[in-house]
């Protein structure tokens, strides 16, 4: 259970990321992002490696490996390729360019979908009983994180965010957003 709590702490630390971005505190983004990433990665690995397992048919493990590759690719694509990496994650201040193409035309927070898919993949591969508890809690923490971003930060960071909220769903794609995603496929907003 302590590893689940460490994972929760990684989200609590990550909640500070947008705050220090708006306050333009030097090196704080790197420190907070690094700390959240290290704690989140450590807790995920430790929960994955737990010895208490549940039974799953072998084909579900194969499905898990497929989902793992897909989710890792999509997570990195959405969070580190589609949005300007340096402005968003390393330099002081905020990445002030609103991205509305690619996976960000599908939903406003595609990383939440890919992260949930990643946790499902790891659950299927590891068959860890502790992962059955951890995954829903960490997904909830990620959803809470984007609600906080929406309410307190993104309106201040990105001109046009209110309009973006009206045209693109937050987490669950619609037919219209799927069409927008397909129409913008391969296009990249320059940040």
N, C-alpha and C. Protein backbone atom coordinates (compact mmCIF):
# COMPACT_ATOMS: atom_id res chain seq x y z
N UNK A 1 0.82 -1.20 0.00
CA UNK A 1 0.00 0.00 0.00
C UNK A 1 0.87 1.26 0.00
N UNK A 2 2.06 1.17 0.56
CA UNK A 2 2.91 2.37 0.63
C UNK A 2 3.29 2.85 -0.77
N UNK A 3 3.39 1.93 -1.73
CA UNK A 3 3.76 2.35 -3.09
C UNK A 3 2.61 3.09 -3.76
N UNK A 4 1.39 2.74 -3.43
CA UNK A 4 0.24 3.47 -3.94
C UNK A 4 0.27 4.90 -3.41
N UNK A 5 0.59 5.04 -2.14
CA UNK A 5 0.67 6.36 -1.50
C UNK A 5 1.80 7.18 -2.12
N UNK A 6 2.93 6.54 -2.40
CA UNK A 6 4.02 7.25 -3.07
C UNK A 6 3.55 7.75 -4.45
N UNK A 7 2.78 6.92 -5.16
CA UNK A 7 2.22 7.34 -6.44
C UNK A 7 1.28 8.53 -6.29
N UNK A 8 0.46 8.50 -5.24
CA UNK A 8 -0.43 9.64 -4.97
C UNK A 8 0.40 10.89 -4.69
N UNK A 9 1.47 10.73 -3.92
CA UNK A 9 2.36 11.88 -3.62
C UNK A 9 2.97 12.45 -4.90
N UNK A 10 3.27 11.58 -5.86
CA UNK A 10 3.83 12.08 -7.12
C UNK A 10 2.84 13.02 -7.81
N UNK A 11 1.56 12.70 -7.73
CA UNK A 11 0.55 13.59 -8.31
C UNK A 11 0.43 14.88 -7.51
N UNK A 12 0.48 14.78 -6.19
CA UNK A 12 0.39 15.98 -5.36
C UNK A 12 1.54 16.94 -5.67
N UNK A 13 2.72 16.39 -5.90
CA UNK A 13 3.86 17.22 -6.29
C UNK A 13 3.63 17.80 -7.69
N UNK A 14 3.12 16.97 -8.60
CA UNK A 14 2.87 17.44 -9.97
C UNK A 14 1.84 18.57 -9.99
N UNK A 15 0.93 18.61 -9.05
CA UNK A 15 -0.07 19.67 -9.01
C UNK A 15 0.59 21.05 -8.87
N UNK A 16 1.82 21.08 -8.35
CA UNK A 16 2.54 22.35 -8.20
C UNK A 16 3.17 22.83 -9.50
N UNK A 17 3.27 21.96 -10.49
CA UNK A 17 3.97 22.27 -11.73
C UNK A 17 3.42 23.52 -12.42
N UNK A 18 2.11 23.57 -12.59
CA UNK A 18 1.51 24.71 -13.28
C UNK A 18 1.58 25.98 -12.43
N UNK A 19 1.50 25.83 -11.11
CA UNK A 19 1.63 26.97 -10.22
C UNK A 19 3.00 27.63 -10.38
N UNK A 20 4.08 26.85 -10.33
CA UNK A 20 5.41 27.44 -10.47
C UNK A 20 5.66 27.93 -11.88
N UNK A 21 4.97 27.33 -12.87
CA UNK A 21 5.08 27.82 -14.24
C UNK A 21 4.52 29.23 -14.34
N UNK A 22 3.34 29.44 -13.76
CA UNK A 22 2.73 30.78 -13.79
C UNK A 22 3.53 31.80 -12.99
N UNK A 23 4.11 31.36 -11.89
CA UNK A 23 4.90 32.26 -11.03
C UNK A 23 6.31 32.51 -11.59
N UNK A 24 6.67 31.77 -12.64
CA UNK A 24 7.97 31.91 -13.31
C UNK A 24 9.15 31.76 -12.34
N UNK A 25 9.08 30.72 -11.52
CA UNK A 25 10.14 30.45 -10.55
C UNK A 25 11.24 29.65 -11.27
N UNK A 26 12.47 30.19 -11.33
CA UNK A 26 13.55 29.50 -12.05
C UNK A 26 13.82 28.10 -11.51
N UNK A 27 14.05 27.17 -12.39
CA UNK A 27 14.40 25.77 -12.13
C UNK A 27 13.32 24.98 -11.39
N UNK A 28 12.26 25.63 -10.96
CA UNK A 28 11.23 24.92 -10.20
C UNK A 28 10.51 23.89 -11.06
N UNK A 29 10.27 24.23 -12.34
CA UNK A 29 9.58 23.28 -13.21
C UNK A 29 10.38 21.99 -13.34
N UNK A 30 11.68 22.13 -13.55
CA UNK A 30 12.53 20.95 -13.68
C UNK A 30 12.53 20.12 -12.39
N UNK A 31 12.67 20.80 -11.26
CA UNK A 31 12.72 20.09 -9.98
C UNK A 31 11.40 19.38 -9.69
N UNK A 32 10.29 20.08 -9.88
CA UNK A 32 8.99 19.49 -9.58
C UNK A 32 8.66 18.39 -10.57
N UNK A 33 8.88 18.65 -11.85
CA UNK A 33 8.63 17.63 -12.86
C UNK A 33 9.49 16.39 -12.64
N UNK A 34 10.76 16.62 -12.30
CA UNK A 34 11.66 15.50 -12.03
C UNK A 34 11.24 14.70 -10.81
N UNK A 35 10.90 15.40 -9.73
CA UNK A 35 10.48 14.71 -8.51
C UNK A 35 9.19 13.92 -8.74
N UNK A 36 8.23 14.52 -9.41
CA UNK A 36 6.97 13.82 -9.69
C UNK A 36 7.22 12.61 -10.58
N UNK A 37 8.04 12.78 -11.59
CA UNK A 37 8.34 11.68 -12.51
C UNK A 37 9.06 10.53 -11.83
N UNK A 38 10.04 10.85 -11.00
CA UNK A 38 10.80 9.82 -10.29
C UNK A 38 9.90 9.06 -9.32
N UNK A 39 9.13 9.79 -8.53
CA UNK A 39 8.23 9.12 -7.57
C UNK A 39 7.16 8.30 -8.29
N UNK A 40 6.59 8.86 -9.35
CA UNK A 40 5.57 8.13 -10.11
C UNK A 40 6.13 6.88 -10.75
N UNK A 41 7.32 7.00 -11.34
CA UNK A 41 7.95 5.84 -11.97
C UNK A 41 8.32 4.78 -10.94
N UNK A 42 8.89 5.22 -9.82
CA UNK A 42 9.27 4.28 -8.76
C UNK A 42 8.05 3.52 -8.23
N UNK A 43 6.98 4.26 -7.93
CA UNK A 43 5.79 3.60 -7.37
C UNK A 43 5.18 2.63 -8.38
N UNK A 44 5.17 3.01 -9.65
CA UNK A 44 4.61 2.13 -10.68
C UNK A 44 5.42 0.84 -10.80
N UNK A 45 6.73 0.97 -10.81
CA UNK A 45 7.60 -0.21 -10.90
C UNK A 45 7.41 -1.12 -9.69
N UNK A 46 7.35 -0.53 -8.51
CA UNK A 46 7.22 -1.33 -7.30
C UNK A 46 5.86 -2.05 -7.23
N UNK A 47 4.80 -1.38 -7.64
CA UNK A 47 3.48 -2.03 -7.67
C UNK A 47 3.48 -3.13 -8.73
N UNK A 48 4.09 -2.86 -9.86
CA UNK A 48 4.18 -3.84 -10.95
C UNK A 48 4.88 -5.12 -10.48
N UNK A 49 5.90 -4.97 -9.65
CA UNK A 49 6.73 -6.11 -9.25
C UNK A 49 6.20 -6.90 -8.04
N UNK A 50 5.07 -6.50 -7.51
CA UNK A 50 4.53 -7.21 -6.35
C UNK A 50 4.29 -8.69 -6.68
N UNK A 51 4.53 -9.55 -5.70
CA UNK A 51 4.49 -11.00 -5.93
C UNK A 51 3.08 -11.58 -5.92
N UNK A 52 2.13 -10.93 -5.26
CA UNK A 52 0.76 -11.45 -5.24
C UNK A 52 0.11 -11.20 -6.59
N UNK A 53 -0.23 -12.30 -7.28
CA UNK A 53 -0.76 -12.22 -8.64
C UNK A 53 -2.18 -12.78 -8.69
N UNK A 54 -2.91 -12.38 -9.69
CA UNK A 54 -4.20 -12.98 -9.98
C UNK A 54 -4.10 -13.67 -11.34
N UNK A 55 -5.02 -14.58 -11.59
CA UNK A 55 -4.97 -15.35 -12.83
C UNK A 55 -5.58 -14.56 -13.98
N UNK A 56 -4.92 -14.61 -15.11
CA UNK A 56 -5.44 -14.10 -16.38
C UNK A 56 -5.03 -15.05 -17.48
N UNK A 57 -5.88 -15.26 -18.47
CA UNK A 57 -5.46 -16.07 -19.61
C UNK A 57 -4.25 -15.43 -20.31
N UNK A 58 -3.41 -16.25 -20.89
CA UNK A 58 -2.18 -15.79 -21.52
C UNK A 58 -2.42 -14.76 -22.61
N UNK A 59 -3.49 -14.91 -23.39
CA UNK A 59 -3.74 -13.97 -24.48
C UNK A 59 -3.95 -12.54 -23.96
N UNK A 60 -4.44 -12.38 -22.72
CA UNK A 60 -4.60 -11.04 -22.16
C UNK A 60 -3.25 -10.41 -21.83
N UNK A 61 -2.29 -11.24 -21.50
CA UNK A 61 -0.93 -10.72 -21.31
C UNK A 61 -0.37 -10.19 -22.64
N UNK A 62 -0.61 -10.92 -23.72
CA UNK A 62 -0.19 -10.46 -25.04
C UNK A 62 -0.88 -9.16 -25.42
N UNK A 63 -2.17 -9.07 -25.10
CA UNK A 63 -2.90 -7.83 -25.33
C UNK A 63 -2.27 -6.70 -24.52
N UNK A 64 -1.87 -7.00 -23.29
CA UNK A 64 -1.21 -6.01 -22.44
C UNK A 64 0.07 -5.48 -23.07
N UNK A 65 0.87 -6.37 -23.66
CA UNK A 65 2.11 -5.92 -24.31
C UNK A 65 1.81 -5.01 -25.50
N UNK A 66 0.79 -5.37 -26.27
CA UNK A 66 0.39 -4.53 -27.40
C UNK A 66 -0.05 -3.16 -26.90
N UNK A 67 -0.93 -3.14 -25.87
CA UNK A 67 -1.41 -1.88 -25.31
C UNK A 67 -0.27 -1.07 -24.70
N UNK A 68 0.71 -1.73 -24.14
CA UNK A 68 1.86 -1.03 -23.55
C UNK A 68 2.60 -0.24 -24.63
N UNK A 69 2.91 -0.88 -25.74
CA UNK A 69 3.63 -0.19 -26.81
C UNK A 69 2.80 0.96 -27.37
N UNK A 70 1.52 0.72 -27.59
CA UNK A 70 0.65 1.77 -28.14
C UNK A 70 0.54 2.94 -27.16
N UNK A 71 0.29 2.64 -25.89
CA UNK A 71 0.08 3.71 -24.91
C UNK A 71 1.35 4.51 -24.65
N UNK A 72 2.51 3.86 -24.59
CA UNK A 72 3.77 4.59 -24.39
C UNK A 72 4.03 5.51 -25.58
N UNK A 73 3.83 4.99 -26.80
CA UNK A 73 4.02 5.83 -27.98
C UNK A 73 3.09 7.04 -27.94
N UNK A 74 1.79 6.81 -27.69
CA UNK A 74 0.82 7.90 -27.69
C UNK A 74 1.06 8.89 -26.56
N UNK A 75 1.47 8.40 -25.40
CA UNK A 75 1.76 9.28 -24.28
C UNK A 75 2.92 10.22 -24.61
N UNK A 76 3.99 9.67 -25.14
CA UNK A 76 5.13 10.51 -25.51
C UNK A 76 4.78 11.43 -26.68
N UNK A 77 4.02 10.93 -27.62
CA UNK A 77 3.62 11.74 -28.77
C UNK A 77 2.82 12.96 -28.31
N UNK A 78 1.81 12.73 -27.47
CA UNK A 78 0.95 13.83 -27.03
C UNK A 78 1.66 14.80 -26.09
N UNK A 79 2.43 14.27 -25.16
CA UNK A 79 3.01 15.13 -24.12
C UNK A 79 4.36 15.73 -24.47
N UNK A 80 5.10 15.11 -25.39
CA UNK A 80 6.45 15.59 -25.65
C UNK A 80 6.72 15.95 -27.10
N UNK A 81 5.85 15.57 -28.02
CA UNK A 81 6.07 15.91 -29.43
C UNK A 81 5.10 16.99 -29.90
N UNK A 82 3.82 16.80 -29.58
CA UNK A 82 2.82 17.73 -30.09
C UNK A 82 2.88 19.10 -29.43
N UNK A 83 3.27 19.16 -28.19
CA UNK A 83 3.38 20.46 -27.52
C UNK A 83 4.85 20.85 -27.42
N UNK A 84 5.13 22.15 -27.41
CA UNK A 84 6.54 22.57 -27.40
C UNK A 84 7.25 22.15 -26.11
N UNK A 85 8.15 21.19 -26.23
CA UNK A 85 8.81 20.58 -25.07
C UNK A 85 9.52 21.60 -24.19
N UNK A 86 10.39 22.38 -24.79
CA UNK A 86 11.23 23.30 -24.01
C UNK A 86 10.38 24.32 -23.25
N UNK A 87 9.44 24.97 -23.93
CA UNK A 87 8.59 25.96 -23.27
C UNK A 87 7.72 25.34 -22.20
N UNK A 88 7.24 24.14 -22.46
CA UNK A 88 6.31 23.50 -21.55
C UNK A 88 6.99 22.94 -20.31
N UNK A 89 8.15 22.32 -20.49
CA UNK A 89 8.72 21.54 -19.39
C UNK A 89 10.03 22.07 -18.80
N UNK A 90 10.77 22.89 -19.52
CA UNK A 90 12.10 23.21 -19.01
C UNK A 90 12.33 24.67 -18.67
N UNK A 91 12.00 25.59 -19.56
CA UNK A 91 12.31 26.98 -19.27
C UNK A 91 11.26 27.58 -18.34
N UNK A 92 11.67 28.61 -17.60
CA UNK A 92 10.75 29.23 -16.65
C UNK A 92 9.61 29.90 -17.40
N UNK A 93 8.46 29.96 -16.76
CA UNK A 93 7.27 30.51 -17.39
C UNK A 93 6.39 29.41 -17.93
N UNK A 94 5.49 29.79 -18.81
CA UNK A 94 4.53 28.83 -19.35
C UNK A 94 4.70 28.68 -20.85
N UNK A 95 4.34 27.50 -21.34
CA UNK A 95 4.23 27.30 -22.78
C UNK A 95 2.92 27.94 -23.20
N UNK A 96 2.99 29.10 -23.82
CA UNK A 96 1.80 29.92 -24.05
C UNK A 96 1.07 29.61 -25.36
N UNK A 97 1.49 28.60 -26.07
CA UNK A 97 0.87 28.25 -27.35
C UNK A 97 -0.17 27.16 -27.11
N UNK A 98 -1.42 27.45 -27.44
CA UNK A 98 -2.49 26.48 -27.30
C UNK A 98 -2.47 25.55 -28.50
N UNK A 99 -2.32 24.27 -28.26
CA UNK A 99 -2.30 23.27 -29.32
C UNK A 99 -3.70 22.68 -29.45
N UNK A 100 -4.24 22.73 -30.68
CA UNK A 100 -5.60 22.26 -30.91
C UNK A 100 -5.68 21.25 -32.05
N UNK A 101 -4.53 20.78 -32.51
CA UNK A 101 -4.51 19.79 -33.59
C UNK A 101 -4.04 18.44 -33.05
N UNK A 102 -4.06 17.44 -33.91
CA UNK A 102 -3.60 16.11 -33.52
C UNK A 102 -4.44 15.54 -32.40
N UNK A 103 -3.79 14.94 -31.43
CA UNK A 103 -4.54 14.32 -30.34
C UNK A 103 -5.26 15.36 -29.48
N UNK A 104 -4.82 16.63 -29.57
CA UNK A 104 -5.48 17.71 -28.83
C UNK A 104 -6.74 18.20 -29.54
N UNK A 105 -7.01 17.69 -30.73
CA UNK A 105 -8.30 17.91 -31.40
C UNK A 105 -9.29 16.83 -30.97
N UNK A 106 -8.76 15.70 -30.55
CA UNK A 106 -9.58 14.58 -30.09
C UNK A 106 -10.19 14.88 -28.72
N UNK A 107 -9.34 15.25 -27.77
CA UNK A 107 -9.76 15.68 -26.43
C UNK A 107 -8.74 16.71 -25.93
N UNK A 108 -9.15 17.48 -24.92
CA UNK A 108 -8.24 18.50 -24.40
C UNK A 108 -7.10 17.90 -23.57
N UNK A 109 -7.28 16.71 -23.06
CA UNK A 109 -6.26 16.06 -22.23
C UNK A 109 -6.02 14.63 -22.69
N UNK A 110 -5.42 14.44 -23.86
CA UNK A 110 -5.22 13.08 -24.36
C UNK A 110 -4.27 12.26 -23.48
N UNK A 111 -3.38 12.92 -22.77
CA UNK A 111 -2.45 12.21 -21.90
C UNK A 111 -3.15 11.38 -20.84
N UNK A 112 -4.32 11.83 -20.39
CA UNK A 112 -5.08 11.08 -19.39
C UNK A 112 -5.53 9.73 -19.98
N UNK A 113 -6.00 9.77 -21.22
CA UNK A 113 -6.44 8.53 -21.87
C UNK A 113 -5.27 7.57 -22.03
N UNK A 114 -4.14 8.10 -22.52
CA UNK A 114 -2.97 7.24 -22.77
C UNK A 114 -2.39 6.72 -21.46
N UNK A 115 -2.40 7.53 -20.41
CA UNK A 115 -1.91 7.08 -19.10
C UNK A 115 -2.79 5.96 -18.56
N UNK A 116 -4.11 6.12 -18.67
CA UNK A 116 -5.03 5.06 -18.22
C UNK A 116 -4.80 3.78 -19.01
N UNK A 117 -4.60 3.92 -20.31
CA UNK A 117 -4.31 2.76 -21.16
C UNK A 117 -2.99 2.10 -20.74
N UNK A 118 -2.00 2.91 -20.41
CA UNK A 118 -0.71 2.39 -19.93
C UNK A 118 -0.90 1.58 -18.65
N UNK A 119 -1.68 2.10 -17.72
CA UNK A 119 -1.90 1.38 -16.46
C UNK A 119 -2.65 0.07 -16.69
N UNK A 120 -3.62 0.09 -17.59
CA UNK A 120 -4.33 -1.16 -17.93
C UNK A 120 -3.36 -2.16 -18.53
N UNK A 121 -2.49 -1.69 -19.42
CA UNK A 121 -1.49 -2.58 -20.03
C UNK A 121 -0.59 -3.20 -18.97
N UNK A 122 -0.09 -2.38 -18.05
CA UNK A 122 0.79 -2.89 -17.00
C UNK A 122 0.06 -3.85 -16.08
N UNK A 123 -1.20 -3.59 -15.83
CA UNK A 123 -2.01 -4.51 -15.02
C UNK A 123 -2.14 -5.86 -15.71
N UNK A 124 -2.43 -5.86 -17.01
CA UNK A 124 -2.57 -7.12 -17.74
C UNK A 124 -1.26 -7.89 -17.81
N UNK A 125 -0.16 -7.18 -17.94
CA UNK A 125 1.14 -7.85 -18.03
C UNK A 125 1.58 -8.39 -16.67
N UNK A 126 1.46 -7.54 -15.65
CA UNK A 126 1.98 -7.92 -14.32
C UNK A 126 1.05 -8.86 -13.56
N UNK A 127 -0.25 -8.72 -13.77
CA UNK A 127 -1.26 -9.46 -13.02
C UNK A 127 -1.11 -9.22 -11.51
N UNK A 128 -0.58 -8.07 -11.15
CA UNK A 128 -0.36 -7.71 -9.76
C UNK A 128 -1.69 -7.34 -9.08
N UNK A 129 -1.97 -8.00 -7.97
CA UNK A 129 -3.19 -7.69 -7.22
C UNK A 129 -3.16 -6.24 -6.73
N UNK A 130 -1.98 -5.76 -6.36
CA UNK A 130 -1.87 -4.38 -5.89
C UNK A 130 -2.16 -3.38 -7.02
N UNK A 131 -1.84 -3.77 -8.25
CA UNK A 131 -2.13 -2.90 -9.40
C UNK A 131 -3.64 -2.73 -9.58
N UNK A 132 -4.42 -3.75 -9.21
CA UNK A 132 -5.88 -3.64 -9.28
C UNK A 132 -6.39 -2.50 -8.41
N UNK A 133 -5.69 -2.23 -7.32
CA UNK A 133 -6.05 -1.13 -6.43
C UNK A 133 -5.42 0.17 -6.91
N UNK A 134 -4.15 0.11 -7.29
CA UNK A 134 -3.41 1.31 -7.65
C UNK A 134 -3.94 1.99 -8.91
N UNK A 135 -4.22 1.22 -9.94
CA UNK A 135 -4.59 1.81 -11.24
C UNK A 135 -5.79 2.76 -11.14
N UNK A 136 -6.92 2.35 -10.54
CA UNK A 136 -8.04 3.29 -10.47
C UNK A 136 -7.74 4.53 -9.63
N UNK A 137 -6.95 4.35 -8.58
CA UNK A 137 -6.60 5.50 -7.72
C UNK A 137 -5.74 6.48 -8.51
N UNK A 138 -4.74 5.98 -9.22
CA UNK A 138 -3.85 6.87 -9.97
C UNK A 138 -4.57 7.51 -11.16
N UNK A 139 -5.49 6.78 -11.78
CA UNK A 139 -6.28 7.38 -12.85
C UNK A 139 -7.14 8.51 -12.29
N UNK A 140 -7.74 8.28 -11.13
CA UNK A 140 -8.53 9.34 -10.48
C UNK A 140 -7.65 10.55 -10.19
N UNK A 141 -6.44 10.33 -9.69
CA UNK A 141 -5.52 11.44 -9.38
C UNK A 141 -5.17 12.22 -10.65
N UNK A 142 -5.01 11.52 -11.77
CA UNK A 142 -4.70 12.18 -13.04
C UNK A 142 -5.89 13.00 -13.53
N UNK A 143 -7.09 12.46 -13.39
CA UNK A 143 -8.29 13.21 -13.77
C UNK A 143 -8.46 14.44 -12.88
N UNK A 144 -8.22 14.28 -11.59
CA UNK A 144 -8.28 15.42 -10.67
C UNK A 144 -7.27 16.48 -11.09
N UNK A 145 -6.09 16.05 -11.49
CA UNK A 145 -5.04 16.97 -11.94
C UNK A 145 -5.52 17.82 -13.10
N UNK A 146 -6.15 17.21 -14.10
CA UNK A 146 -6.59 18.00 -15.26
C UNK A 146 -7.77 18.89 -14.91
N UNK A 147 -8.60 18.49 -13.95
CA UNK A 147 -9.66 19.38 -13.50
C UNK A 147 -9.06 20.62 -12.83
N UNK A 148 -8.02 20.43 -12.04
CA UNK A 148 -7.34 21.56 -11.40
C UNK A 148 -6.72 22.46 -12.47
N UNK A 149 -6.05 21.85 -13.45
CA UNK A 149 -5.47 22.64 -14.55
C UNK A 149 -6.54 23.47 -15.24
N UNK A 150 -7.67 22.85 -15.54
CA UNK A 150 -8.75 23.55 -16.24
C UNK A 150 -9.30 24.71 -15.42
N UNK A 151 -9.50 24.48 -14.13
CA UNK A 151 -10.15 25.49 -13.29
C UNK A 151 -9.22 26.65 -12.92
N UNK A 152 -7.95 26.35 -12.65
CA UNK A 152 -7.09 27.38 -12.09
C UNK A 152 -5.97 27.88 -13.00
N UNK A 153 -5.57 27.11 -13.99
CA UNK A 153 -4.36 27.47 -14.71
C UNK A 153 -4.51 27.73 -16.20
N UNK A 154 -5.14 26.83 -16.92
CA UNK A 154 -5.09 26.92 -18.37
C UNK A 154 -5.76 28.17 -18.93
N UNK A 155 -6.78 28.66 -18.26
CA UNK A 155 -7.43 29.91 -18.70
C UNK A 155 -6.43 31.05 -18.64
N UNK A 156 -5.55 31.05 -17.63
CA UNK A 156 -4.54 32.10 -17.49
C UNK A 156 -3.37 31.89 -18.44
N UNK A 157 -3.08 30.66 -18.78
CA UNK A 157 -1.91 30.35 -19.60
C UNK A 157 -2.15 30.53 -21.10
N UNK A 158 -3.34 30.14 -21.55
CA UNK A 158 -3.56 30.03 -22.99
C UNK A 158 -4.69 30.94 -23.48
N UNK A 159 -4.34 31.95 -24.27
CA UNK A 159 -5.41 32.75 -24.89
C UNK A 159 -6.26 31.83 -25.77
N UNK A 160 -7.56 32.00 -25.70
CA UNK A 160 -8.47 31.19 -26.51
C UNK A 160 -8.86 29.87 -25.87
N UNK A 161 -8.49 29.65 -24.61
CA UNK A 161 -8.80 28.36 -23.99
C UNK A 161 -10.30 28.17 -23.77
N UNK A 162 -11.02 29.24 -23.46
CA UNK A 162 -12.48 29.13 -23.27
C UNK A 162 -13.15 28.64 -24.55
N UNK A 163 -12.72 29.16 -25.69
CA UNK A 163 -13.28 28.72 -26.97
C UNK A 163 -12.92 27.26 -27.24
N UNK A 164 -11.67 26.91 -26.95
CA UNK A 164 -11.21 25.52 -27.11
C UNK A 164 -12.07 24.57 -26.28
N UNK A 165 -12.42 24.97 -25.06
CA UNK A 165 -13.28 24.15 -24.21
C UNK A 165 -14.64 23.90 -24.84
N UNK A 166 -15.14 24.89 -25.59
CA UNK A 166 -16.46 24.75 -26.22
C UNK A 166 -16.42 23.82 -27.42
N UNK A 167 -15.27 23.74 -28.10
CA UNK A 167 -15.20 22.95 -29.33
C UNK A 167 -14.60 21.56 -29.16
N UNK A 168 -13.89 21.31 -28.07
CA UNK A 168 -13.20 20.04 -27.88
C UNK A 168 -13.55 19.46 -26.51
N UNK A 169 -13.98 18.19 -26.45
CA UNK A 169 -14.32 17.60 -25.15
C UNK A 169 -13.09 17.44 -24.25
N UNK A 170 -13.33 17.38 -22.96
CA UNK A 170 -12.23 17.30 -22.00
C UNK A 170 -11.52 15.95 -22.05
N UNK A 171 -12.26 14.85 -21.92
CA UNK A 171 -11.64 13.54 -21.79
C UNK A 171 -12.24 12.44 -22.67
N UNK A 172 -13.48 12.59 -23.08
CA UNK A 172 -14.14 11.54 -23.83
C UNK A 172 -14.41 12.04 -25.25
N UNK A 173 -13.78 11.42 -26.24
CA UNK A 173 -13.96 11.88 -27.62
C UNK A 173 -15.42 11.78 -28.07
N UNK A 174 -15.79 12.68 -28.97
CA UNK A 174 -17.11 12.66 -29.60
C UNK A 174 -16.90 12.43 -31.11
N UNK A 175 -17.99 12.25 -31.83
CA UNK A 175 -17.87 12.13 -33.29
C UNK A 175 -17.23 13.36 -33.90
N UNK A 176 -17.66 14.51 -33.42
CA UNK A 176 -17.13 15.78 -33.94
C UNK A 176 -15.63 15.90 -33.64
N UNK A 177 -15.22 15.55 -32.43
CA UNK A 177 -13.80 15.66 -32.09
C UNK A 177 -12.97 14.62 -32.83
N UNK A 178 -13.54 13.45 -33.07
CA UNK A 178 -12.85 12.43 -33.85
C UNK A 178 -12.65 12.92 -35.29
N UNK A 179 -13.66 13.56 -35.84
CA UNK A 179 -13.54 14.13 -37.19
C UNK A 179 -12.47 15.23 -37.22
N UNK A 180 -12.44 16.07 -36.19
CA UNK A 180 -11.42 17.13 -36.11
C UNK A 180 -10.03 16.52 -36.00
N UNK A 181 -9.92 15.47 -35.21
CA UNK A 181 -8.64 14.77 -35.06
C UNK A 181 -8.18 14.22 -36.41
N UNK A 182 -9.06 13.52 -37.10
CA UNK A 182 -8.71 12.92 -38.39
C UNK A 182 -8.36 13.99 -39.42
N UNK A 183 -9.07 15.13 -39.39
CA UNK A 183 -8.80 16.22 -40.32
C UNK A 183 -7.44 16.87 -40.05
N UNK A 184 -7.04 16.87 -38.78
CA UNK A 184 -5.76 17.51 -38.44
C UNK A 184 -4.62 16.52 -38.34
N UNK A 185 -4.89 15.24 -38.62
CA UNK A 185 -3.86 14.20 -38.50
C UNK A 185 -2.62 14.56 -39.30
N UNK A 186 -1.50 14.49 -38.65
CA UNK A 186 -0.23 14.79 -39.31
C UNK A 186 0.14 16.25 -39.29
N UNK A 187 -0.81 17.13 -38.94
CA UNK A 187 -0.50 18.54 -38.84
C UNK A 187 0.00 18.81 -37.43
N UNK A 188 0.86 19.77 -37.30
CA UNK A 188 1.39 20.09 -35.98
C UNK A 188 1.39 21.58 -35.80
N UNK A 189 0.71 22.05 -34.74
CA UNK A 189 0.77 23.48 -34.42
C UNK A 189 2.21 23.82 -34.07
N UNK A 190 2.70 24.91 -34.54
CA UNK A 190 4.07 25.32 -34.22
C UNK A 190 4.06 26.08 -32.91
N UNK A 191 4.89 25.63 -31.96
CA UNK A 191 4.94 26.27 -30.65
C UNK A 191 6.20 26.99 -30.40
